[in-house]
Protein backbone atom coordinates (compact mmCIF):
# COMPACT_ATOMS: atom_id res chain seq x y z
CA MET A 1 6.87 -75.09 -53.71
CA THR A 2 7.92 -77.81 -51.28
CA ARG A 3 6.12 -78.68 -48.06
CA ARG A 4 9.07 -77.26 -46.10
CA ALA A 5 8.79 -73.89 -47.88
CA TRP A 6 5.03 -73.71 -47.20
CA THR A 7 5.65 -74.51 -43.52
CA ALA A 8 8.26 -71.75 -43.30
CA ALA A 9 5.89 -69.22 -44.92
CA ALA A 10 3.04 -70.13 -42.54
CA THR A 11 5.36 -69.89 -39.54
CA LEU A 12 6.60 -66.45 -40.65
CA LEU A 13 3.05 -65.16 -41.03
CA ALA A 14 2.06 -66.51 -37.60
CA LEU A 15 5.08 -64.85 -35.96
CA LEU A 16 4.31 -61.50 -37.59
CA VAL A 17 0.68 -61.69 -36.45
CA VAL A 18 1.80 -62.40 -32.89
CA VAL A 19 4.23 -59.47 -33.01
CA GLY A 20 1.45 -57.23 -34.30
CA ALA A 21 -0.88 -58.36 -31.52
CA PHE A 22 1.61 -57.37 -28.84
CA TYR A 23 2.87 -54.24 -30.54
CA GLY A 24 0.82 -51.26 -29.50
CA PRO A 25 1.00 -47.66 -28.35
CA ALA A 26 3.91 -46.76 -26.09
CA ASP A 27 1.48 -45.75 -23.36
CA GLU A 28 -1.63 -47.91 -23.06
CA GLN A 29 -3.19 -45.45 -20.64
CA ASP A 30 -3.56 -42.89 -23.44
CA ALA A 31 -5.12 -45.40 -25.87
CA GLY A 32 -8.71 -44.76 -24.69
CA THR A 33 -11.20 -42.65 -26.59
CA ILE A 34 -14.32 -40.70 -25.70
CA SER A 35 -16.39 -43.66 -26.96
CA SER A 36 -14.48 -46.32 -25.03
CA THR A 37 -16.10 -47.89 -21.95
CA SER A 38 -12.88 -49.61 -20.83
CA ARG A 39 -11.15 -48.50 -17.66
CA ASP A 40 -8.76 -46.33 -19.69
CA GLY A 41 -11.47 -44.82 -21.90
CA TYR A 42 -13.42 -41.59 -21.38
CA ARG A 43 -17.04 -42.54 -22.09
CA ALA A 44 -18.05 -41.82 -18.46
CA PHE A 45 -16.83 -38.25 -19.00
CA LEU A 46 -19.23 -37.80 -21.93
CA ASP A 47 -22.11 -39.52 -20.11
CA LEU A 48 -21.65 -37.24 -17.10
CA LEU A 49 -21.95 -34.10 -19.23
CA VAL A 50 -25.01 -35.43 -21.07
CA ALA A 51 -26.67 -36.31 -17.76
CA LEU A 52 -26.08 -32.74 -16.57
CA GLY A 53 -27.73 -31.36 -19.70
CA VAL A 54 -24.51 -30.12 -21.31
CA PRO A 55 -24.76 -30.36 -25.13
CA ALA A 56 -21.52 -32.31 -25.49
CA GLU A 57 -20.87 -34.26 -28.68
CA ARG A 58 -18.17 -35.91 -30.76
CA HIS A 59 -16.58 -34.24 -33.77
CA ALA A 60 -15.56 -36.85 -36.33
CA GLY A 61 -14.06 -34.53 -38.95
CA PRO A 62 -10.87 -32.47 -39.09
CA PRO A 63 -10.53 -29.42 -36.82
CA ASP A 64 -10.96 -27.08 -39.80
CA LEU A 65 -14.65 -28.09 -39.93
CA LEU A 66 -15.35 -27.08 -36.32
CA PRO A 67 -17.84 -24.19 -35.94
CA ALA A 68 -16.21 -20.80 -35.42
CA GLY A 69 -16.08 -19.82 -31.77
CA ALA A 70 -16.87 -23.35 -30.52
CA THR A 71 -15.09 -25.19 -27.71
CA ALA A 72 -13.17 -28.28 -28.82
CA TRP A 73 -11.48 -30.86 -26.60
CA TRP A 74 -8.56 -33.06 -27.61
CA ILE A 75 -8.15 -36.11 -25.36
CA ALA A 76 -4.57 -37.34 -25.29
CA PRO A 77 -3.64 -36.39 -28.88
CA PRO A 78 -0.27 -37.74 -30.06
CA VAL A 79 1.53 -34.45 -29.51
CA CYS A 80 4.54 -35.79 -27.65
CA GLY A 81 5.83 -38.06 -30.40
CA ASP A 82 7.80 -37.33 -33.53
CA ASP A 83 4.83 -35.81 -35.37
CA ARG A 84 4.67 -32.25 -34.06
CA ARG A 85 1.70 -31.45 -36.29
CA ALA A 86 -0.49 -34.25 -34.89
CA TRP A 87 -2.71 -31.78 -33.02
CA GLY A 88 -4.01 -29.84 -36.03
CA GLY A 89 -6.04 -27.29 -34.05
CA TYR A 90 -3.87 -24.19 -34.44
CA GLY A 91 -5.99 -22.65 -37.18
CA PHE A 92 -9.22 -23.31 -35.27
CA VAL A 93 -7.96 -21.54 -32.14
CA ALA A 94 -6.32 -18.67 -34.01
CA ALA A 95 -9.67 -17.99 -35.71
CA GLY A 96 -11.40 -17.52 -32.35
CA GLY A 97 -12.11 -21.03 -31.03
CA THR A 98 -11.41 -22.42 -27.56
CA ALA A 99 -9.27 -25.56 -27.42
CA VAL A 100 -8.92 -27.74 -24.32
CA VAL A 101 -6.11 -30.27 -24.64
CA LEU A 102 -5.69 -33.13 -22.17
CA VAL A 103 -1.96 -33.73 -22.55
CA PRO A 104 -1.02 -37.42 -22.78
CA ARG A 105 1.45 -38.99 -20.42
CA ARG A 106 3.56 -40.17 -23.36
CA GLY A 107 6.77 -38.21 -23.59
CA ALA A 108 6.82 -36.97 -19.98
CA PRO A 109 8.96 -35.34 -18.77
CA VAL A 110 10.29 -34.66 -22.32
CA ALA A 111 9.14 -31.34 -23.77
CA CYS A 112 6.21 -31.66 -26.18
CA HIS A 113 4.74 -29.45 -28.88
CA LEU A 114 1.19 -28.87 -29.96
CA ASP A 115 2.56 -27.09 -33.00
CA PRO A 116 6.10 -26.02 -33.94
CA ASP A 117 5.19 -22.57 -32.59
CA VAL A 118 3.42 -23.83 -29.44
CA PRO A 119 5.76 -25.71 -27.05
CA LEU A 120 4.18 -27.18 -23.93
CA PRO A 121 5.54 -26.55 -20.43
CA ALA A 122 7.68 -29.30 -18.95
CA ARG A 123 5.99 -31.66 -16.49
CA ILE A 124 6.80 -33.41 -13.25
CA ALA A 125 5.41 -36.54 -11.62
CA LEU A 126 3.66 -35.95 -8.29
CA ARG A 127 4.73 -39.03 -6.40
CA PRO A 128 3.03 -40.08 -3.15
CA GLY A 129 6.19 -39.21 -1.23
CA THR A 130 5.72 -35.50 -1.94
CA ARG A 131 2.81 -35.25 0.50
CA ALA A 132 1.62 -36.78 3.72
CA ALA A 133 1.11 -40.53 3.48
CA GLY A 134 -2.31 -41.29 2.05
CA GLY A 135 -3.16 -37.62 1.60
CA PRO A 136 -5.08 -36.47 -1.48
CA VAL A 137 -3.88 -34.14 -4.20
CA VAL A 138 -5.38 -30.71 -3.51
CA VAL A 139 -6.48 -28.73 -6.57
CA ALA A 140 -7.04 -25.00 -6.15
CA GLY A 141 -7.28 -21.91 -8.34
CA ASP A 142 -9.67 -19.39 -9.82
CA MET A 143 -11.11 -21.97 -12.23
CA VAL A 144 -12.39 -24.29 -9.47
CA ARG A 145 -15.20 -23.44 -7.08
CA GLY A 146 -13.61 -24.45 -3.84
CA LEU A 147 -10.78 -26.88 -3.15
CA ARG A 148 -10.96 -30.14 -5.08
CA ARG A 149 -9.32 -33.21 -3.56
CA LEU A 150 -8.19 -35.93 -5.93
CA PRO A 151 -6.98 -39.37 -4.87
CA ALA A 152 -3.22 -39.74 -4.84
CA GLU A 153 -1.89 -41.84 -7.67
CA PRO A 154 1.74 -42.66 -8.53
CA PHE A 155 3.19 -40.60 -11.37
CA GLN A 156 0.30 -38.15 -11.64
CA LEU A 157 1.63 -35.30 -13.75
CA ALA A 158 1.66 -31.53 -13.32
CA PHE A 159 3.58 -28.74 -15.01
CA THR A 160 6.84 -27.71 -13.37
CA ALA A 161 6.41 -24.08 -14.41
CA ALA A 162 4.11 -22.05 -16.63
CA GLU A 163 6.17 -19.25 -18.15
CA GLY A 164 4.06 -17.52 -20.77
CA TRP A 165 0.90 -19.25 -19.53
CA THR A 166 -1.81 -18.24 -17.06
CA VAL A 167 -2.23 -20.75 -14.24
CA ARG A 168 -5.93 -21.49 -13.71
CA ALA A 169 -5.58 -24.41 -11.28
CA THR A 170 -2.77 -26.01 -9.30
CA ALA A 171 -2.18 -29.50 -7.87
CA ASP A 172 -0.20 -29.47 -4.63
CA GLY A 173 1.10 -26.08 -5.72
CA TYR A 174 2.20 -27.18 -9.21
CA PRO A 175 0.37 -25.83 -12.28
CA LEU A 176 -2.27 -28.38 -13.36
CA ILE A 177 -4.49 -26.34 -15.74
CA VAL A 178 -2.97 -23.46 -17.69
CA GLU A 179 -4.14 -21.30 -20.57
CA ARG A 180 -2.97 -18.64 -23.00
CA GLU A 181 -4.29 -16.59 -25.86
CA LEU A 182 -3.53 -17.90 -29.33
CA GLY A 183 -4.53 -15.56 -32.13
CA ARG A 184 -8.12 -14.59 -31.41
CA GLY A 185 -8.79 -17.78 -29.47
CA ARG A 186 -7.95 -19.47 -26.23
CA LEU A 187 -5.83 -22.54 -25.55
CA VAL A 188 -6.29 -24.48 -22.28
CA LEU A 189 -4.01 -27.33 -21.19
CA VAL A 190 -4.62 -30.04 -18.59
CA ALA A 191 -1.30 -31.57 -17.53
CA ASP A 192 -2.47 -35.20 -17.28
CA ALA A 193 -5.18 -36.73 -19.49
CA ARG A 194 -5.46 -39.71 -17.13
CA LEU A 195 -7.26 -37.59 -14.54
CA PHE A 196 -10.61 -38.02 -16.30
CA ARG A 197 -10.50 -41.69 -17.29
CA ASN A 198 -13.51 -43.94 -16.62
CA VAL A 199 -11.69 -45.76 -13.86
CA ARG A 200 -11.31 -42.67 -11.68
CA LEU A 201 -13.98 -40.18 -12.72
CA ASP A 202 -16.04 -41.02 -9.61
CA ALA A 203 -13.02 -40.87 -7.27
CA GLY A 204 -12.74 -37.92 -4.90
CA ASP A 205 -13.67 -34.58 -6.47
CA THR A 206 -12.75 -35.57 -10.03
CA ALA A 207 -16.30 -35.15 -11.37
CA PRO A 208 -16.72 -31.66 -9.80
CA LEU A 209 -13.36 -30.69 -11.32
CA VAL A 210 -14.70 -31.75 -14.75
CA VAL A 211 -17.77 -29.59 -14.20
CA ASP A 212 -15.58 -26.64 -13.19
CA LEU A 213 -13.53 -26.96 -16.36
CA VAL A 214 -16.58 -27.26 -18.64
CA ARG A 215 -18.32 -24.35 -16.89
CA ASP A 216 -15.28 -22.16 -17.58
CA THR A 217 -14.61 -23.20 -21.20
CA GLY A 218 -18.05 -24.04 -22.61
CA ALA A 219 -19.89 -27.09 -23.97
CA PRO A 220 -17.26 -29.35 -25.54
CA ARG A 221 -16.96 -31.00 -28.93
CA PHE A 222 -14.56 -33.92 -28.56
CA VAL A 223 -11.94 -34.22 -31.29
CA GLU A 224 -9.79 -37.30 -30.88
CA GLY A 225 -6.35 -36.60 -32.27
CA TRP A 226 -5.88 -39.84 -34.16
CA VAL A 227 -9.26 -39.44 -35.89
CA ALA A 228 -8.37 -35.97 -37.09
CA THR A 229 -5.02 -36.96 -38.62
CA ALA A 230 -5.33 -40.56 -39.84
CA GLY A 231 -7.14 -39.70 -43.07
CA ASP A 232 -4.92 -36.70 -43.81
CA ARG A 233 -1.77 -38.83 -43.86
CA GLY A 234 -3.11 -41.35 -46.36
CA ALA A 235 -4.16 -44.95 -45.84
CA LEU A 236 -0.77 -46.52 -46.61
CA VAL A 237 1.20 -44.11 -44.40
CA TYR A 238 -1.27 -44.61 -41.56
CA LEU A 239 -1.11 -48.40 -41.94
CA LEU A 240 2.69 -48.44 -41.91
CA ALA A 241 2.68 -46.39 -38.70
CA SER A 242 0.02 -48.52 -36.98
CA PRO A 243 0.28 -51.78 -34.95
CA ALA A 244 -1.13 -53.63 -38.00
CA VAL A 245 2.08 -53.16 -39.98
CA ALA A 246 3.57 -56.54 -38.95
CA PRO A 247 0.54 -58.64 -40.04
CA PHE A 248 0.32 -56.51 -43.19
CA ILE A 249 3.95 -57.30 -44.09
CA GLY A 250 3.26 -60.98 -43.41
CA VAL A 251 0.27 -61.02 -45.75
CA VAL A 252 2.29 -59.25 -48.46
CA LEU A 253 5.14 -61.78 -48.13
CA VAL A 254 2.79 -64.74 -48.32
CA GLY A 255 1.10 -63.17 -51.38
CA LEU A 256 4.50 -62.77 -53.07
CA LEU A 257 5.33 -66.40 -52.28
CA LEU A 258 2.03 -67.53 -53.79
CA ALA A 259 2.67 -65.44 -56.91
CA TRP A 260 6.18 -66.87 -57.22
CA HIS A 261 4.82 -70.38 -56.81
CA GLY A 262 2.28 -69.72 -59.57
CA THR A 263 5.02 -68.72 -62.02
CA LEU A 264 6.82 -72.03 -61.43
CA VAL A 265 3.84 -74.10 -62.58
CA PRO A 266 3.03 -73.70 -66.31
CA PRO A 267 -0.60 -72.90 -67.07
CA ARG A 268 -2.75 -75.89 -67.98
CA ARG A 269 -3.75 -76.05 -71.63
CA LEU A 270 -6.61 -78.22 -72.93
CA ALA A 271 -6.82 -79.30 -76.54
CA ALA A 272 -9.87 -78.03 -78.42
CA SER A 273 -12.57 -80.72 -78.66
CA GLY A 274 -13.91 -79.47 -81.99
CA VAL A 275 -17.48 -79.57 -80.65
CA GLY A 276 -19.32 -76.30 -80.41
CA ALA A 277 -21.50 -75.22 -77.51
CA PRO A 278 -24.86 -77.05 -77.43
CA THR A 279 -27.95 -75.14 -78.59
CA LEU A 280 -31.71 -75.70 -78.26
CA ASP A 281 -31.98 -76.55 -81.97
CA THR A 282 -29.33 -79.23 -81.57
CA PHE A 283 -31.19 -80.73 -78.62
CA VAL A 284 -34.56 -80.73 -80.46
CA ASP A 285 -33.04 -82.29 -83.58
CA ALA A 286 -31.39 -85.03 -81.53
CA LEU A 287 -34.63 -85.79 -79.67
CA ALA A 288 -36.60 -85.87 -82.94
CA GLY A 289 -34.09 -88.30 -84.38
CA LEU A 290 -34.55 -90.62 -81.41
CA TYR A 291 -38.31 -90.54 -81.80
CA ALA A 292 -38.01 -91.13 -85.55
CA ARG A 293 -35.95 -94.26 -85.04
CA THR A 294 -38.15 -95.76 -82.34
CA ARG A 295 -40.55 -98.65 -82.97
CA ASP A 296 -42.42 -98.33 -79.67
CA TRP A 297 -45.48 -96.71 -81.27
CA PRO A 298 -47.93 -97.14 -78.33
CA ARG A 299 -45.56 -95.40 -75.87
CA VAL A 300 -44.91 -92.50 -78.25
CA ALA A 301 -48.68 -92.05 -78.69
CA ALA A 302 -49.18 -92.07 -74.89
CA ARG A 303 -46.49 -89.41 -74.43
CA TYR A 304 -48.08 -87.23 -77.11
CA ARG A 305 -51.45 -87.48 -75.36
CA GLU A 306 -49.71 -86.31 -72.13
CA LEU A 307 -48.21 -83.40 -74.05
CA THR A 308 -51.65 -82.50 -75.45
CA ALA A 309 -53.20 -82.57 -71.97
CA ALA A 310 -50.41 -80.30 -70.66
CA ARG A 311 -51.02 -77.79 -73.45
CA LEU A 312 -54.75 -77.70 -72.61
CA ARG A 313 -54.07 -77.24 -68.86
CA ARG A 314 -51.81 -74.31 -69.64
CA HIS A 315 -54.45 -72.78 -71.92
CA PHE A 316 -57.14 -72.93 -69.21
CA GLY A 317 -54.78 -71.81 -66.42
CA LEU A 318 -55.03 -75.12 -64.56
CA ALA A 319 -52.34 -76.39 -62.23
CA PRO A 320 -49.80 -78.77 -63.84
CA GLU A 321 -50.80 -81.53 -61.41
CA THR A 322 -54.48 -81.40 -62.46
CA ARG A 323 -55.62 -84.93 -63.41
CA THR A 324 -56.62 -85.66 -67.01
CA ALA A 325 -60.12 -86.69 -65.85
CA ALA A 326 -60.64 -83.24 -64.29
CA LEU A 327 -59.44 -81.60 -67.51
CA ILE A 328 -61.90 -83.67 -69.60
CA ALA A 329 -64.74 -82.78 -67.20
CA ARG A 330 -63.81 -79.11 -67.64
CA LEU A 331 -64.01 -79.44 -71.46
CA GLU A 332 -67.26 -81.44 -71.48
CA ARG A 333 -69.06 -78.52 -69.84
CA ASP A 334 -68.68 -76.76 -73.20
CA ALA A 335 -71.16 -78.01 -75.89
CA ARG A 336 -68.46 -77.66 -78.57
CA PHE A 337 -66.52 -80.57 -77.14
CA ARG A 338 -69.31 -83.18 -76.95
CA ASN A 339 -70.32 -85.96 -79.36
CA GLY A 340 -66.90 -87.63 -79.54
CA VAL A 341 -64.72 -84.56 -80.01
CA LEU A 342 -62.67 -85.52 -76.94
CA ASP A 343 -62.24 -89.18 -77.98
CA PRO A 344 -58.51 -88.75 -78.71
CA LEU A 345 -58.09 -88.09 -74.96
CA VAL A 346 -61.02 -90.12 -73.54
CA ALA A 347 -60.88 -93.25 -75.74
CA PRO A 348 -57.64 -93.25 -77.73
CA ARG A 349 -57.23 -95.69 -80.62
CA ARG A 350 -54.81 -98.57 -80.48
CA VAL A 351 -51.56 -97.61 -82.21
CA ASP A 352 -49.49 -100.46 -83.63
CA ASP A 353 -47.54 -98.87 -86.48
CA GLU A 354 -46.26 -95.55 -87.80
CA PRO A 355 -49.37 -94.70 -89.92
CA GLY A 356 -51.57 -95.29 -86.86
CA LEU A 357 -49.33 -92.97 -84.82
CA ALA A 358 -49.63 -90.27 -87.49
CA VAL A 359 -53.44 -90.53 -87.41
CA GLU A 360 -53.47 -90.27 -83.60
CA VAL A 361 -51.15 -87.28 -83.57
CA ALA A 362 -53.25 -85.51 -86.20
CA ALA A 363 -56.43 -86.08 -84.14
CA LEU A 364 -54.80 -84.68 -81.00
CA ASP A 365 -53.49 -81.62 -82.87
CA ALA A 366 -56.97 -81.00 -84.30
CA LEU A 367 -58.41 -81.13 -80.78
CA VAL A 368 -55.90 -78.54 -79.54
CA ALA A 369 -56.59 -76.29 -82.54
CA ARG A 370 -60.34 -76.45 -81.88
CA VAL A 371 -59.89 -75.56 -78.21
CA LEU A 372 -57.62 -72.63 -78.99
CA ARG A 373 -60.04 -71.06 -81.52
């Protein structure tokens, strides 16, 4: 592959990574989770309940594994997109559970569905111009204990009507929290999930409104919609529908280019050398041959004395660096090694020829054999 082709491949991958970095959910305000401490997350919501002694917790599995009769919360599940089964809590509620769904802003004012059989009421944006300048949003109803005043915010959502639903709380007269029976259970909707984000939980009477809702529905188990459905759709389907799809395609293309480049270059083949793998026997035979051809008899005798001393150190458990003098002193403490027995180590003979070397080697081997008895 030419340098120009490699440059083009690297540029394509970089562009796809950049596209993936900027490609994200259609509504960033609904991207927070109950564990997120960012301004758009909901961790402050969970911390508030824990501080009040409410046994709130996260539910990491699918809704089918929720305890019967429990209260489960879905925070901004992807119910307003193309996947009308993204909620997944119908069976849980129909079996007797209580579901509280904080409806995401995404899709407003387009009609949304929790399930093909459960359409959500249409919504409207409460703009600041619908009330006195600077005035708060007033929340009232049988669910709240007293009027709750929330700070005005552009495009805060409420339901336009609630046909088939029971209105539990209103915002400036529009339905804000509604509920209905579903099978043997209870389904509660909050029109705008952004109400309880970290950035505004301490604003106005937002925190008391949270407490009102929890007091009415029960201790929550938080089920985040994307957690409940990602594994069910399969890893590949989830990846193709996620923001990581562009970098993934880039990596696949670069991998295909590398594979194509590999097929263009023939595999390298080396001629057989005819020499087998070396073995210990081969090494010993070669070393013995070198010693057999040498004429440096004194040096060979000195090396054999060093080998004999090493064998004796190992026998007595001495350190390899123990001096020969210390080894001889250790042996002389035994009466068996007195009267010249240690002369091959203490006072070696002069070796000038091969017969003399043989005599010296035999004396050293006899010493080792006597020590090992």
